C-alpha atoms as a PDB file:
ATOM      1  CA  MET A   1     -35.621  69.731  59.916  1.00  0.00           C
ATOM      2  CA  LYS A   2     -35.284  66.186  58.303  1.00  0.00           C
ATOM      3  CA  LEU A   3     -33.477  65.674  55.291  1.00  0.00           C
ATOM      4  CA  GLY A   4     -33.977  62.397  53.181  1.00  0.00           C
ATOM      5  CA  LEU A   5     -30.794  61.126  51.681  1.00  0.00           C
ATOM      6  CA  ILE A   6     -30.568  58.952  48.661  1.00  0.00           C
ATOM      7  CA  SER A   7     -28.054  57.964  46.320  1.00  0.00           C
ATOM      8  CA  ASP A   8     -27.324  55.256  43.605  1.00  0.00           C
ATOM      9  CA  ILE A   9     -30.756  54.485  42.231  1.00  0.00           C
ATOM     10  CA  HIS A  10     -29.476  52.820  38.916  1.00  0.00           C
ATOM     11  CA  ALA A  11     -32.790  52.899  37.199  1.00  0.00           C
ATOM     12  CA  ASP A  12     -34.408  50.623  39.724  1.00  0.00           C
ATOM     13  CA  LEU A  13     -37.936  52.219  40.030  1.00  0.00           C
ATOM     14  CA  SER A  14     -39.230  49.784  42.529  1.00  0.00           C
ATOM     15  CA  SER A  15     -36.662  50.206  45.115  1.00  0.00           C
ATOM     16  CA  LEU A  16     -36.870  54.366  44.557  1.00  0.00           C
ATOM     17  CA  GLU A  17     -40.844  53.944  45.136  1.00  0.00           C
ATOM     18  CA  ARG A  18     -39.971  51.994  48.493  1.00  0.00           C
ATOM     19  CA  ALA A  19     -37.464  54.804  49.472  1.00  0.00           C
ATOM     20  CA  LEU A  20     -39.343  57.603  48.654  1.00  0.00           C
ATOM     21  CA  ASP A  21     -42.405  55.946  50.665  1.00  0.00           C
ATOM     22  CA  PHE A  22     -40.278  55.141  53.578  1.00  0.00           C
ATOM     23  CA  LEU A  23     -39.092  58.765  53.735  1.00  0.00           C
ATOM     24  CA  ASP A  24     -42.397  60.437  53.449  1.00  0.00           C
ATOM     25  CA  GLY A  25     -43.605  58.320  56.284  1.00  0.00           C
ATOM     26  CA  ARG A  26     -41.041  59.314  58.190  1.00  0.00           C
ATOM     27  CA  GLY A  27     -42.103  62.951  57.800  1.00  0.00           C
ATOM     28  CA  VAL A  28     -38.884  64.288  56.004  1.00  0.00           C
ATOM     29  CA  ASP A  29     -38.968  68.043  54.829  1.00  0.00           C
ATOM     30  CA  VAL A  30     -36.607  67.484  51.828  1.00  0.00           C
ATOM     31  CA  ILE A  31     -35.254  64.577  49.735  1.00  0.00           C
ATOM     32  CA  LEU A  32     -31.678  65.137  48.204  1.00  0.00           C
ATOM     33  CA  CYS A  33     -30.085  62.789  45.910  1.00  0.00           C
ATOM     34  CA  ALA A  34     -26.362  61.984  45.460  1.00  0.00           C
ATOM     35  CA  GLY A  35     -26.558  60.878  41.663  1.00  0.00           C
ATOM     36  CA  ASP A  36     -26.441  58.017  39.541  1.00  0.00           C
ATOM     37  CA  LEU A  37     -29.919  58.084  38.548  1.00  0.00           C
ATOM     38  CA  VAL A  38     -29.249  55.615  35.604  1.00  0.00           C
ATOM     39  CA  GLY A  39     -27.259  53.020  34.420  1.00  0.00           C
ATOM     40  CA  LYS A  40     -27.331  49.095  34.920  1.00  0.00           C
ATOM     41  CA  GLY A  41     -30.981  49.304  35.219  1.00  0.00           C
ATOM     42  CA  LYS A  42     -33.936  49.337  32.641  1.00  0.00           C
ATOM     43  CA  GLN A  43     -36.112  52.051  34.169  1.00  0.00           C
ATOM     44  CA  ALA A  44     -34.242  55.113  33.438  1.00  0.00           C
ATOM     45  CA  GLU A  45     -36.988  57.202  31.840  1.00  0.00           C
ATOM     46  CA  GLN A  46     -39.346  56.429  34.706  1.00  0.00           C
ATOM     47  CA  VAL A  47     -36.636  57.140  37.594  1.00  0.00           C
ATOM     48  CA  ILE A  48     -35.715  60.425  36.095  1.00  0.00           C
ATOM     49  CA  GLN A  49     -39.552  61.319  35.685  1.00  0.00           C
ATOM     50  CA  ARG A  50     -40.033  60.596  39.188  1.00  0.00           C
ATOM     51  CA  ILE A  51     -37.043  62.527  40.659  1.00  0.00           C
ATOM     52  CA  ARG A  52     -38.354  65.529  38.675  1.00  0.00           C
ATOM     53  CA  GLN A  53     -41.815  65.001  39.766  1.00  0.00           C
ATOM     54  CA  GLN A  54     -40.573  65.135  43.209  1.00  0.00           C
ATOM     55  CA  SER A  55     -38.422  68.201  42.554  1.00  0.00           C
ATOM     56  CA  ILE A  56     -35.493  66.493  44.271  1.00  0.00           C
ATOM     57  CA  PRO A  57     -32.360  68.441  44.427  1.00  0.00           C
ATOM     58  CA  CYS A  58     -29.762  65.891  42.878  1.00  0.00           C
ATOM     59  CA  VAL A  59     -26.045  65.933  41.143  1.00  0.00           C
ATOM     60  CA  GLN A  60     -24.825  64.188  38.293  1.00  0.00           C
ATOM     61  CA  GLY A  61     -23.214  60.555  39.247  1.00  0.00           C
ATOM     62  CA  ASN A  62     -20.566  59.005  36.979  1.00  0.00           C
ATOM     63  CA  HIS A  63     -23.134  56.756  35.469  1.00  0.00           C
ATOM     64  CA  ASP A  64     -25.449  59.711  34.446  1.00  0.00           C
ATOM     65  CA  ALA A  65     -22.446  61.451  32.714  1.00  0.00           C
ATOM     66  CA  MET A  66     -21.744  57.961  30.925  1.00  0.00           C
ATOM     67  CA  HIS A  67     -25.499  57.805  29.881  1.00  0.00           C
ATOM     68  CA  VAL A  68     -25.533  61.272  28.784  1.00  0.00           C
ATOM     69  CA  ASP A  69     -22.690  60.328  26.176  1.00  0.00           C
ATOM     70  CA  ILE A  70     -24.649  57.380  25.168  1.00  0.00           C
ATOM     71  CA  GLN A  71     -27.703  59.267  24.468  1.00  0.00           C
ATOM     72  CA  GLU A  72     -25.693  61.873  22.149  1.00  0.00           C
ATOM     73  CA  LEU A  73     -24.359  58.964  20.425  1.00  0.00           C
ATOM     74  CA  VAL A  74     -27.844  57.503  19.600  1.00  0.00           C
ATOM     75  CA  ARG A  75     -29.095  60.779  18.619  1.00  0.00           C
ATOM     76  CA  GLU A  76     -26.214  60.999  16.196  1.00  0.00           C
ATOM     77  CA  VAL A  77     -26.021  57.474  14.605  1.00  0.00           C
ATOM     78  CA  GLY A  78     -28.666  55.406  16.113  1.00  0.00           C
ATOM     79  CA  ASP A  79     -31.559  54.025  13.632  1.00  0.00           C
ATOM     80  CA  PRO A  80     -35.104  54.775  14.616  1.00  0.00           C
ATOM     81  CA  SER A  81     -36.302  51.593  12.366  1.00  0.00           C
ATOM     82  CA  ASP A  82     -34.359  49.407  14.954  1.00  0.00           C
ATOM     83  CA  PRO A  83     -36.587  48.324  17.793  1.00  0.00           C
ATOM     84  CA  ASP A  84     -33.937  48.466  20.421  1.00  0.00           C
ATOM     85  CA  TYR A  85     -33.470  52.176  19.411  1.00  0.00           C
ATOM     86  CA  HIS A  86     -36.790  53.441  21.284  1.00  0.00           C
ATOM     87  CA  GLN A  87     -35.696  51.152  24.315  1.00  0.00           C
ATOM     88  CA  VAL A  88     -32.423  52.922  24.779  1.00  0.00           C
ATOM     89  CA  ARG A  89     -33.285  56.547  23.699  1.00  0.00           C
ATOM     90  CA  LEU A  90     -34.672  58.801  26.383  1.00  0.00           C
ATOM     91  CA  GLU A  91     -37.227  61.314  25.692  1.00  0.00           C
ATOM     92  CA  ASP A  92     -35.463  64.721  25.277  1.00  0.00           C
ATOM     93  CA  ALA A  93     -37.077  66.179  28.649  1.00  0.00           C
ATOM     94  CA  ALA A  94     -35.399  63.436  30.446  1.00  0.00           C
ATOM     95  CA  PHE A  95     -32.075  63.630  28.278  1.00  0.00           C
ATOM     96  CA  ASP A  96     -31.925  67.477  28.947  1.00  0.00           C
ATOM     97  CA  TYR A  97     -32.250  67.047  32.743  1.00  0.00           C
ATOM     98  CA  LEU A  98     -29.846  64.560  32.832  1.00  0.00           C
ATOM     99  CA  ARG A  99     -27.420  66.465  30.871  1.00  0.00           C
ATOM    100  CA  ALA A 100     -27.974  69.609  32.910  1.00  0.00           C
ATOM    101  CA  LEU A 101     -27.479  68.183  36.492  1.00  0.00           C
ATOM    102  CA  PRO A 102     -24.524  69.700  38.333  1.00  0.00           C
ATOM    103  CA  LEU A 103     -21.401  68.123  39.713  1.00  0.00           C
ATOM    104  CA  THR A 104     -22.111  69.711  43.247  1.00  0.00           C
ATOM    105  CA  LEU A 105     -24.880  71.653  44.904  1.00  0.00           C
ATOM    106  CA  HIS A 106     -24.355  73.964  47.906  1.00  0.00           C
ATOM    107  CA  LEU A 107     -27.578  74.226  50.034  1.00  0.00           C
ATOM    108  CA  GLU A 108     -28.458  75.477  53.365  1.00  0.00           C
ATOM    109  CA  TYR A 109     -30.890  74.290  55.976  1.00  0.00           C
ATOM    110  CA  SER A 110     -31.646  75.253  59.384  1.00  0.00           C
ATOM    111  CA  GLY A 111     -28.623  77.403  59.104  1.00  0.00           C
ATOM    112  CA  LYS A 112     -26.187  74.644  58.187  1.00  0.00           C
ATOM    113  CA  ARG A 113     -24.305  74.498  55.116  1.00  0.00           C
ATOM    114  CA  LEU A 114     -24.594  71.527  52.918  1.00  0.00           C
ATOM    115  CA  CYS A 115     -22.497  70.243  50.007  1.00  0.00           C
ATOM    116  CA  LEU A 116     -24.001  67.548  47.662  1.00  0.00           C
ATOM    117  CA  ALA A 117     -21.678  65.698  45.265  1.00  0.00           C
ATOM    118  CA  HIS A 118     -21.553  62.033  43.919  1.00  0.00           C
ATOM    119  CA  GLY A 119     -17.985  60.744  44.603  1.00  0.00           C
ATOM    120  CA  THR A 120     -16.158  63.518  45.837  1.00  0.00           C
ATOM    121  CA  PRO A 121     -16.659  67.471  45.444  1.00  0.00           C
ATOM    122  CA  TRP A 122     -14.055  67.437  42.654  1.00  0.00           C
ATOM    123  CA  SER A 123     -14.847  64.454  40.767  1.00  0.00           C
ATOM    124  CA  ASN A 124     -17.984  62.286  40.357  1.00  0.00           C
ATOM    125  CA  ASP A 125     -15.600  59.316  39.540  1.00  0.00           C
ATOM    126  CA  ASP A 126     -13.382  59.381  42.594  1.00  0.00           C
ATOM    127  CA  TYR A 127     -14.507  57.131  45.719  1.00  0.00           C
ATOM    128  CA  LEU A 128     -14.337  57.986  49.302  1.00  0.00           C
ATOM    129  CA  TYR A 129     -14.603  54.746  51.385  1.00  0.00           C
ATOM    130  CA  HIS A 130     -14.033  54.010  55.078  1.00  0.00           C
ATOM    131  CA  TYR A 131     -10.700  53.073  54.314  1.00  0.00           C
ATOM    132  CA  SER A 132      -9.470  55.552  51.989  1.00  0.00           C
ATOM    133  CA  ASN A 133      -6.487  57.900  52.872  1.00  0.00           C
ATOM    134  CA  HIS A 134      -6.995  60.241  55.648  1.00  0.00           C
ATOM    135  CA  ASP A 135      -5.631  62.842  53.235  1.00  0.00           C
ATOM    136  CA  VAL A 136      -8.619  62.227  51.165  1.00  0.00           C
ATOM    137  CA  PHE A 137     -11.137  62.693  53.888  1.00  0.00           C
ATOM    138  CA  GLN A 138      -9.293  65.978  54.903  1.00  0.00           C
ATOM    139  CA  LYS A 139      -9.454  67.104  51.209  1.00  0.00           C
ATOM    140  CA  VAL A 140     -13.330  66.537  51.000  1.00  0.00           C
ATOM    141  CA  ALA A 141     -13.922  68.428  54.105  1.00  0.00           C
ATOM    142  CA  ARG A 142     -11.767  71.228  53.246  1.00  0.00           C
ATOM    143  CA  LEU A 143     -13.090  71.638  49.600  1.00  0.00           C
ATOM    144  CA  ALA A 144     -16.667  71.199  50.282  1.00  0.00           C
ATOM    145  CA  GLU A 145     -16.857  74.322  52.253  1.00  0.00           C
ATOM    146  CA  ALA A 146     -19.590  73.138  54.354  1.00  0.00           C
ATOM    147  CA  ASP A 147     -20.879  71.651  57.595  1.00  0.00           C
ATOM    148  CA  PHE A 148     -22.199  68.608  55.865  1.00  0.00           C
ATOM    149  CA  VAL A 149     -21.163  66.696  53.106  1.00  0.00           C
ATOM    150  CA  VAL A 150     -23.486  64.237  51.180  1.00  0.00           C
ATOM    151  CA  LEU A 151     -21.849  61.667  48.988  1.00  0.00           C
ATOM    152  CA  GLY A 152     -22.751  58.408  47.152  1.00  0.00           C
ATOM    153  CA  HIS A 153     -21.019  56.359  44.467  1.00  0.00           C
ATOM    154  CA  THR A 154     -19.459  53.555  46.808  1.00  0.00           C
ATOM    155  CA  HIS A 155     -23.018  51.843  47.626  1.00  0.00           C
ATOM    156  CA  GLU A 156     -21.778  51.494  51.122  1.00  0.00           C
ATOM    157  CA  PRO A 157     -23.494  53.802  54.073  1.00  0.00           C
ATOM    158  CA  MET A 158     -20.795  55.674  55.885  1.00  0.00           C
ATOM    159  CA  ILE A 159     -20.750  58.659  58.544  1.00  0.00           C
ATOM    160  CA  ALA A 160     -17.500  60.098  59.027  1.00  0.00           C
ATOM    161  CA  GLN A 161     -16.476  63.142  61.166  1.00  0.00           C
ATOM    162  CA  VAL A 162     -13.425  65.225  59.996  1.00  0.00           C
ATOM    163  CA  GLY A 163     -13.058  67.823  62.654  1.00  0.00           C
ATOM    164  CA  ASP A 164     -16.205  69.840  62.618  1.00  0.00           C
ATOM    165  CA  VAL A 165     -17.345  68.568  59.323  1.00  0.00           C
ATOM    166  CA  TRP A 166     -19.671  65.396  58.841  1.00  0.00           C
ATOM    167  CA  ILE A 167     -19.571  63.343  55.801  1.00  0.00           C
ATOM    168  CA  ILE A 168     -22.562  61.333  55.005  1.00  0.00           C
ATOM    169  CA  ASN A 169     -22.951  58.124  52.350  1.00  0.00           C
ATOM    170  CA  PRO A 170     -26.553  56.868  52.573  1.00  0.00           C
ATOM    171  CA  GLY A 171     -25.481  53.887  50.341  1.00  0.00           C
ATOM    172  CA  SER A 172     -27.301  52.746  47.419  1.00  0.00           C
ATOM    173  CA  VAL A 173     -31.043  52.613  46.955  1.00  0.00           C
ATOM    174  CA  CYS A 174     -30.658  49.997  44.229  1.00  0.00           C
ATOM    175  CA  ARG A 175     -29.791  46.474  45.054  1.00  0.00           C
ATOM    176  CA  ARG A 176     -31.324  44.365  42.336  1.00  0.00           C
ATOM    177  CA  TYR A 177     -29.332  45.604  39.405  1.00  0.00           C
ATOM    178  CA  ALA A 178     -26.312  46.495  41.252  1.00  0.00           C
ATOM    179  CA  GLU A 179     -24.487  45.231  44.292  1.00  0.00           C
ATOM    180  CA  GLY A 180     -25.436  47.789  46.775  1.00  0.00           C
ATOM    181  CA  SER A 181     -26.960  48.101  50.265  1.00  0.00           C
ATOM    182  CA  GLY A 182     -30.690  49.007  49.511  1.00  0.00           C
ATOM    183  CA  THR A 183     -30.511  51.848  52.056  1.00  0.00           C
ATOM    184  CA  CYS A 184     -31.303  55.672  52.511  1.00  0.00           C
ATOM    185  CA  ALA A 185     -30.804  57.945  55.321  1.00  0.00           C
ATOM    186  CA  ILE A 186     -32.335  60.504  57.309  1.00  0.00           C
ATOM    187  CA  LEU A 187     -30.265  63.755  58.541  1.00  0.00           C
ATOM    188  CA  THR A 188     -31.771  65.890  61.173  1.00  0.00           C
ATOM    189  CA  LEU A 189     -30.723  69.544  61.391  1.00  0.00           C
ATOM    190  CA  PRO A 190     -29.453  71.798  63.006  1.00  0.00           C
ATOM    191  CA  GLY A 191     -28.173  68.951  65.327  1.00  0.00           C
ATOM    192  CA  GLY A 192     -26.588  66.945  62.764  1.00  0.00           C
ATOM    193  CA  LYS A 193     -28.154  63.288  63.820  1.00  0.00           C
ATOM    194  CA  ALA A 194     -28.026  60.994  60.999  1.00  0.00           C
ATOM    195  CA  HIS A 195     -29.225  57.342  60.525  1.00  0.00           C
ATOM    196  CA  VAL A 196     -29.344  54.867  57.668  1.00  0.00           C
ATOM    197  CA  TYR A 197     -32.286  52.572  57.116  1.00  0.00           C
ATOM    198  CA  ASP A 198     -33.088  49.503  55.187  1.00  0.00           C
ATOM    199  CA  ILE A 199     -35.644  50.545  52.545  1.00  0.00           C
ATOM    200  CA  ASP A 200     -37.126  46.965  52.702  1.00  0.00           C
ATOM    201  CA  THR A 201     -37.433  46.203  56.553  1.00  0.00           C
ATOM    202  CA  ARG A 202     -37.304  49.962  57.085  1.00  0.00           C
ATOM    203  CA  LYS A 203     -35.195  49.298  60.281  1.00  0.00           C
ATOM    204  CA  ARG A 204     -32.012  51.081  61.349  1.00  0.00           C
ATOM    205  CA  VAL A 205     -28.829  49.573  59.851  1.00  0.00           C
ATOM    206  CA  ARG A 206     -25.310  50.143  60.923  1.00  0.00           C
ATOM    207  CA  ALA A 207     -23.130  52.442  58.907  1.00  0.00           C
ATOM    208  CA  THR A 208     -19.530  52.472  59.002  1.00  0.00           C
ATOM    209  CA  TYR A 209     -18.154  55.102  61.202  1.00  0.00           C
ATOM    210  CA  VAL A 210     -14.815  56.915  60.678  1.00  0.00           C
ATOM    211  CA  GLU A 211     -13.490  59.819  62.890  1.00  0.00           C
ATOM    212  CA  LEU A 212     -10.472  61.816  62.195  1.00  0.00           C
END
């Protein structure tokens, strides 16, 4: 079974479309998103709609959470006569979707347990970089209670092995509105082989590897 992994789209619809087209061409069975659908870019509504159309399981990133707060403020004190009001305000369906996104998802594919989160299993604000303290890697592996952990947030592709647990960060789909990698990943189960790809060149790129 092939899982397509994406994260950190940041309201960049064209990059999302290229990632989805690439993953579809590679025959993935399911696509998972590790959060940050919105923030930075200008196509939040369209990105949310596309993710919903594809029925892509997704968790709430830190920018998604911030956008929920902004939307609540716009609805409370915004002026509908202001031209910018309708550019900022999400449609109710998109707002409700963003607000309802979970912080983590625990899934099972091909007999393997998978934990999907944005930053870490306990926070969508915390980062796990390749140079993070080994204790943080161990905590992620322990609290995820999974065979595979899929994270985003750093915009840097990484594959880490912590004992029997694999941690995979596909990097960021977006690189137009935010400094990022413009990548996605494919995880093949049950074997667990993971590769990262540039969504523009469609070629494999090297992910930072960590082994503890």
